[in-house]
Amino acid sequence: MSLEIIAQLAILALVVASGPLVIALLAARRGNL
């Protein structure tokens, strides 16, 4: 595997992992308000 492929997979993993986290943070903020 080339470094470019590994980098793309890492970025995709971060995006997929950050999705639910952002939704959870928004839900928490709405809950606090």
N, C-alpha and C. Protein backbone atom coordinates (compact mmCIF):
# COMPACT_ATOMS: atom_id res chain seq x y z
N MET A 1 0.85 -1.21 0.00
CA MET A 1 0.00 0.00 0.00
C MET A 1 0.88 1.25 0.00
N SER A 2 0.46 2.23 -0.78
CA SER A 2 1.23 3.47 -0.85
C SER A 2 0.82 4.41 0.26
N LEU A 3 1.65 5.40 0.52
CA LEU A 3 1.35 6.37 1.59
C LEU A 3 0.09 7.15 1.26
N GLU A 4 -0.15 7.39 -0.04
CA GLU A 4 -1.35 8.16 -0.42
C GLU A 4 -2.62 7.40 -0.04
N ILE A 5 -2.61 6.10 -0.30
CA ILE A 5 -3.79 5.29 0.04
C ILE A 5 -4.00 5.26 1.55
N ILE A 6 -2.91 5.09 2.29
CA ILE A 6 -3.01 5.06 3.75
C ILE A 6 -3.53 6.40 4.27
N ALA A 7 -3.04 7.49 3.68
CA ALA A 7 -3.48 8.82 4.12
C ALA A 7 -4.97 9.00 3.84
N GLN A 8 -5.41 8.57 2.67
CA GLN A 8 -6.83 8.71 2.32
C GLN A 8 -7.70 7.88 3.26
N LEU A 9 -7.25 6.67 3.57
CA LEU A 9 -8.02 5.82 4.49
C LEU A 9 -8.07 6.45 5.88
N ALA A 10 -6.97 7.06 6.31
CA ALA A 10 -6.93 7.69 7.62
C ALA A 10 -7.90 8.87 7.66
N ILE A 11 -7.91 9.67 6.59
CA ILE A 11 -8.81 10.83 6.54
C ILE A 11 -10.27 10.36 6.54
N LEU A 12 -10.56 9.32 5.76
CA LEU A 12 -11.93 8.80 5.72
C LEU A 12 -12.33 8.29 7.11
N ALA A 13 -11.42 7.62 7.79
CA ALA A 13 -11.72 7.10 9.12
C ALA A 13 -12.00 8.24 10.09
N LEU A 14 -11.22 9.32 9.99
CA LEU A 14 -11.44 10.47 10.87
C LEU A 14 -12.79 11.11 10.59
N VAL A 15 -13.14 11.24 9.31
CA VAL A 15 -14.43 11.85 8.96
C VAL A 15 -15.59 11.00 9.47
N VAL A 16 -15.49 9.68 9.26
CA VAL A 16 -16.56 8.79 9.72
C VAL A 16 -16.67 8.80 11.24
N ALA A 17 -15.53 8.87 11.93
CA ALA A 17 -15.54 8.86 13.39
C ALA A 17 -16.02 10.20 13.94
N SER A 18 -15.70 11.30 13.24
CA SER A 18 -16.07 12.63 13.74
C SER A 18 -17.56 12.91 13.51
N GLY A 19 -18.18 12.23 12.55
CA GLY A 19 -19.60 12.45 12.27
C GLY A 19 -20.47 12.28 13.51
N PRO A 20 -20.51 11.08 14.09
CA PRO A 20 -21.34 10.85 15.29
C PRO A 20 -20.92 11.73 16.46
N LEU A 21 -19.63 12.04 16.58
CA LEU A 21 -19.17 12.88 17.68
C LEU A 21 -19.76 14.27 17.56
N VAL A 22 -19.78 14.83 16.34
CA VAL A 22 -20.34 16.17 16.13
C VAL A 22 -21.83 16.16 16.45
N ILE A 23 -22.53 15.13 16.01
CA ILE A 23 -23.98 15.03 16.28
C ILE A 23 -24.21 14.94 17.79
N ALA A 24 -23.37 14.17 18.48
CA ALA A 24 -23.52 14.02 19.93
C ALA A 24 -23.27 15.34 20.63
N LEU A 25 -22.26 16.10 20.18
CA LEU A 25 -21.97 17.40 20.79
C LEU A 25 -23.13 18.35 20.58
N LEU A 26 -23.69 18.38 19.36
CA LEU A 26 -24.82 19.26 19.08
C LEU A 26 -26.02 18.87 19.94
N ALA A 27 -26.27 17.58 20.08
CA ALA A 27 -27.39 17.11 20.89
C ALA A 27 -27.16 17.49 22.36
N ALA A 28 -25.92 17.40 22.82
CA ALA A 28 -25.61 17.74 24.22
C ALA A 28 -25.82 19.24 24.45
N ARG A 29 -25.40 20.06 23.48
CA ARG A 29 -25.58 21.50 23.63
C ARG A 29 -27.06 21.85 23.66
N ARG A 30 -27.86 21.22 22.79
CA ARG A 30 -29.30 21.49 22.78
C ARG A 30 -29.92 21.03 24.09
N GLY A 31 -29.42 19.91 24.62
CA GLY A 31 -29.95 19.39 25.88
C GLY A 31 -29.64 20.34 27.03
N ASN A 32 -28.44 20.92 27.01
CA ASN A 32 -28.06 21.85 28.08
C ASN A 32 -28.87 23.13 28.01
N LEU A 33 -29.13 23.60 26.76
CA LEU A 33 -29.91 24.82 26.59
C LEU A 33 -31.37 24.52 26.96
